Amino acid sequence: MSERRFDGRVAVITGGARGLGFAYAQLLGSLGAKIVGNDNGSAMSGTGSDLGPAEAAAQALRAAGCEAVACSEGEGMKTE
């Protein structure tokens, strides 16, 4: 059986900076998808907002050879 590929597709992953969201981002990115990692960087309580976690995840994905950008509510999209 051939491996399913996602070349030419974009995957928007909510909560993509940590945990299962980041694992899905890594998987889909390794299969060719362009990743938009959406994560507002809030605490477990739902308070606060920080683009840092989303950007760190996007940088890690880019370092692994994936196309990835970070997106955080209210921050817009950051590309490099």
N, C-alpha and C. Protein backbone atom coordinates (compact mmCIF):
# COMPACT_ATOMS: atom_id res chain seq x y z
N MET A 1 0.84 -1.17 0.00
CA MET A 1 0.00 0.00 0.00
C MET A 1 0.89 1.24 0.00
N SER A 2 0.54 2.23 -0.83
CA SER A 2 1.35 3.45 -0.88
C SER A 2 0.98 4.39 0.26
N GLU A 3 1.94 5.20 0.64
CA GLU A 3 1.73 6.16 1.73
C GLU A 3 0.87 7.32 1.25
N ARG A 4 -0.09 7.72 2.04
CA ARG A 4 -0.93 8.88 1.69
C ARG A 4 -0.08 10.13 1.84
N ARG A 5 -0.16 11.02 0.84
CA ARG A 5 0.61 12.26 0.83
C ARG A 5 -0.35 13.45 0.85
N PHE A 6 0.14 14.58 1.33
CA PHE A 6 -0.67 15.80 1.41
C PHE A 6 0.02 16.96 0.72
N ASP A 7 0.87 16.65 -0.28
CA ASP A 7 1.57 17.69 -1.03
C ASP A 7 0.55 18.64 -1.67
N GLY A 8 0.86 19.95 -1.62
CA GLY A 8 -0.01 20.94 -2.22
C GLY A 8 -1.25 21.26 -1.39
N ARG A 9 -1.35 20.71 -0.20
CA ARG A 9 -2.50 20.98 0.68
C ARG A 9 -2.04 21.76 1.90
N VAL A 10 -2.97 22.46 2.50
CA VAL A 10 -2.69 23.24 3.71
C VAL A 10 -3.48 22.64 4.85
N ALA A 11 -2.82 22.44 5.97
CA ALA A 11 -3.49 21.94 7.17
C ALA A 11 -3.45 23.04 8.24
N VAL A 12 -4.63 23.47 8.68
CA VAL A 12 -4.74 24.43 9.77
C VAL A 12 -5.01 23.62 11.04
N ILE A 13 -4.10 23.71 11.98
CA ILE A 13 -4.18 22.87 13.18
C ILE A 13 -4.34 23.75 14.40
N THR A 14 -5.53 23.68 15.01
CA THR A 14 -5.76 24.45 16.23
C THR A 14 -5.06 23.76 17.39
N GLY A 15 -4.49 24.55 18.26
CA GLY A 15 -3.70 23.98 19.35
C GLY A 15 -2.43 23.34 18.84
N GLY A 16 -1.93 23.84 17.70
CA GLY A 16 -0.80 23.20 17.02
C GLY A 16 0.57 23.42 17.63
N ALA A 17 0.65 24.13 18.74
CA ALA A 17 1.96 24.41 19.32
C ALA A 17 2.41 23.37 20.34
N ARG A 18 1.47 22.61 20.86
CA ARG A 18 1.82 21.68 21.94
C ARG A 18 1.02 20.39 21.84
N GLY A 19 1.46 19.40 22.56
CA GLY A 19 0.71 18.16 22.72
C GLY A 19 0.31 17.48 21.42
N LEU A 20 -0.93 17.00 21.41
CA LEU A 20 -1.42 16.28 20.23
C LEU A 20 -1.47 17.18 18.99
N GLY A 21 -1.81 18.46 19.17
CA GLY A 21 -1.85 19.37 18.03
C GLY A 21 -0.50 19.45 17.34
N PHE A 22 0.57 19.56 18.12
CA PHE A 22 1.91 19.62 17.53
C PHE A 22 2.28 18.29 16.89
N ALA A 23 1.89 17.19 17.51
CA ALA A 23 2.17 15.86 16.93
C ALA A 23 1.49 15.72 15.57
N TYR A 24 0.24 16.20 15.46
CA TYR A 24 -0.46 16.15 14.17
C TYR A 24 0.22 17.06 13.16
N ALA A 25 0.68 18.22 13.61
CA ALA A 25 1.38 19.14 12.71
C ALA A 25 2.65 18.48 12.16
N GLN A 26 3.39 17.80 13.05
CA GLN A 26 4.61 17.09 12.61
C GLN A 26 4.27 16.00 11.60
N LEU A 27 3.25 15.23 11.89
CA LEU A 27 2.86 14.15 10.99
C LEU A 27 2.45 14.67 9.62
N LEU A 28 1.51 15.61 9.61
CA LEU A 28 1.02 16.13 8.33
C LEU A 28 2.13 16.87 7.57
N GLY A 29 2.98 17.60 8.29
CA GLY A 29 4.10 18.27 7.64
C GLY A 29 5.07 17.28 7.02
N SER A 30 5.31 16.18 7.70
CA SER A 30 6.22 15.16 7.16
C SER A 30 5.64 14.48 5.93
N LEU A 31 4.32 14.58 5.78
CA LEU A 31 3.65 13.98 4.61
C LEU A 31 3.38 15.01 3.52
N GLY A 32 4.01 16.20 3.66
CA GLY A 32 3.97 17.19 2.59
C GLY A 32 3.01 18.34 2.75
N ALA A 33 2.18 18.36 3.78
CA ALA A 33 1.24 19.46 3.96
C ALA A 33 1.96 20.72 4.41
N LYS A 34 1.45 21.86 4.00
CA LYS A 34 1.89 23.15 4.52
C LYS A 34 1.10 23.38 5.79
N ILE A 35 1.76 23.76 6.85
CA ILE A 35 1.13 23.82 8.17
C ILE A 35 0.89 25.25 8.62
N VAL A 36 -0.33 25.52 9.07
CA VAL A 36 -0.65 26.74 9.78
C VAL A 36 -0.95 26.30 11.21
N GLY A 37 -0.04 26.62 12.12
CA GLY A 37 -0.20 26.23 13.51
C GLY A 37 -0.89 27.34 14.27
N ASN A 38 -2.15 27.15 14.58
CA ASN A 38 -2.92 28.15 15.30
C ASN A 38 -2.94 27.80 16.78
N ASP A 39 -2.40 28.70 17.59
CA ASP A 39 -2.38 28.48 19.03
C ASP A 39 -2.26 29.84 19.69
N ASN A 40 -3.20 30.19 20.56
CA ASN A 40 -3.15 31.51 21.17
C ASN A 40 -2.21 31.58 22.37
N GLY A 41 -1.60 30.48 22.72
CA GLY A 41 -0.61 30.48 23.79
C GLY A 41 -1.18 30.72 25.17
N SER A 42 -2.46 30.43 25.36
CA SER A 42 -3.07 30.66 26.67
C SER A 42 -2.65 29.58 27.66
N ALA A 43 -2.81 29.90 28.93
CA ALA A 43 -2.55 28.94 29.99
C ALA A 43 -3.65 27.88 29.99
N MET A 44 -3.45 26.80 30.70
CA MET A 44 -4.46 25.75 30.79
C MET A 44 -5.80 26.29 31.30
N SER A 45 -5.76 27.37 32.06
CA SER A 45 -6.98 27.98 32.58
C SER A 45 -7.72 28.78 31.51
N GLY A 46 -7.07 28.99 30.36
CA GLY A 46 -7.68 29.75 29.28
C GLY A 46 -7.35 31.23 29.32
N THR A 47 -6.54 31.65 30.25
CA THR A 47 -6.18 33.06 30.36
C THR A 47 -4.87 33.34 29.65
N GLY A 48 -4.72 34.59 29.23
CA GLY A 48 -3.48 35.03 28.61
C GLY A 48 -3.44 34.71 27.13
N SER A 49 -2.43 35.25 26.47
CA SER A 49 -2.23 35.03 25.04
C SER A 49 -0.77 35.31 24.72
N ASP A 50 -0.17 34.47 23.91
CA ASP A 50 1.25 34.62 23.59
C ASP A 50 1.54 33.90 22.28
N LEU A 51 2.09 34.61 21.29
CA LEU A 51 2.44 33.99 20.00
C LEU A 51 3.67 33.10 20.13
N GLY A 52 4.42 33.23 21.21
CA GLY A 52 5.67 32.49 21.40
C GLY A 52 5.57 30.99 21.16
N PRO A 53 4.63 30.27 21.78
CA PRO A 53 4.55 28.83 21.56
C PRO A 53 4.26 28.46 20.11
N ALA A 54 3.36 29.19 19.46
CA ALA A 54 3.04 28.89 18.06
C ALA A 54 4.25 29.14 17.17
N GLU A 55 4.96 30.23 17.42
CA GLU A 55 6.15 30.53 16.61
C GLU A 55 7.26 29.51 16.85
N ALA A 56 7.44 29.09 18.11
CA ALA A 56 8.46 28.08 18.41
C ALA A 56 8.13 26.76 17.69
N ALA A 57 6.86 26.39 17.66
CA ALA A 57 6.44 25.17 16.98
C ALA A 57 6.68 25.30 15.47
N ALA A 58 6.35 26.46 14.89
CA ALA A 58 6.57 26.67 13.46
C ALA A 58 8.06 26.61 13.13
N GLN A 59 8.89 27.18 13.99
CA GLN A 59 10.34 27.11 13.76
C GLN A 59 10.84 25.68 13.81
N ALA A 60 10.33 24.89 14.75
CA ALA A 60 10.74 23.48 14.85
C ALA A 60 10.31 22.71 13.61
N LEU A 61 9.12 23.00 13.11
CA LEU A 61 8.64 22.32 11.89
C LEU A 61 9.49 22.72 10.69
N ARG A 62 9.82 24.02 10.59
CA ARG A 62 10.67 24.46 9.48
C ARG A 62 12.05 23.82 9.56
N ALA A 63 12.58 23.69 10.76
CA ALA A 63 13.89 23.05 10.94
C ALA A 63 13.86 21.59 10.50
N ALA A 64 12.67 20.98 10.57
CA ALA A 64 12.51 19.58 10.15
C ALA A 64 12.20 19.47 8.66
N GLY A 65 12.19 20.63 7.95
CA GLY A 65 11.99 20.61 6.51
C GLY A 65 10.56 20.85 6.05
N CYS A 66 9.68 21.22 6.97
CA CYS A 66 8.28 21.48 6.62
C CYS A 66 8.08 22.96 6.32
N GLU A 67 7.03 23.27 5.56
CA GLU A 67 6.60 24.65 5.41
C GLU A 67 5.61 24.92 6.52
N ALA A 68 5.86 25.94 7.34
CA ALA A 68 4.99 26.19 8.48
C ALA A 68 4.99 27.66 8.85
N VAL A 69 3.82 28.14 9.27
CA VAL A 69 3.67 29.49 9.80
C VAL A 69 2.91 29.41 11.11
N ALA A 70 3.09 30.44 11.93
CA ALA A 70 2.40 30.52 13.22
C ALA A 70 1.26 31.51 13.12
N CYS A 71 0.18 31.20 13.78
CA CYS A 71 -0.98 32.08 13.83
C CYS A 71 -1.52 32.07 15.24
N SER A 72 -1.82 33.28 15.74
CA SER A 72 -2.36 33.39 17.09
C SER A 72 -3.50 34.39 17.05
N GLU A 73 -4.58 34.10 17.72
CA GLU A 73 -5.74 34.98 17.75
C GLU A 73 -5.33 36.39 18.11
N GLY A 74 -5.74 37.34 17.30
CA GLY A 74 -5.43 38.74 17.57
C GLY A 74 -4.05 39.16 17.12
N GLU A 75 -3.22 38.22 16.76
CA GLU A 75 -1.85 38.55 16.36
C GLU A 75 -1.66 38.53 14.86
N GLY A 76 -2.63 37.97 14.11
CA GLY A 76 -2.45 37.85 12.68
C GLY A 76 -1.51 36.70 12.36
N MET A 77 -1.00 36.68 11.17
CA MET A 77 -0.14 35.58 10.76
C MET A 77 1.28 36.08 10.64
N LYS A 78 2.19 35.29 11.13
CA LYS A 78 3.61 35.63 11.07
C LYS A 78 4.29 34.64 10.14
N THR A 79 4.98 35.15 9.11
CA THR A 79 5.65 34.27 8.17
C THR A 79 7.13 34.59 8.12
N GLU A 80 7.90 33.61 7.67
CA GLU A 80 9.33 33.80 7.47
C GLU A 80 9.77 33.01 6.29
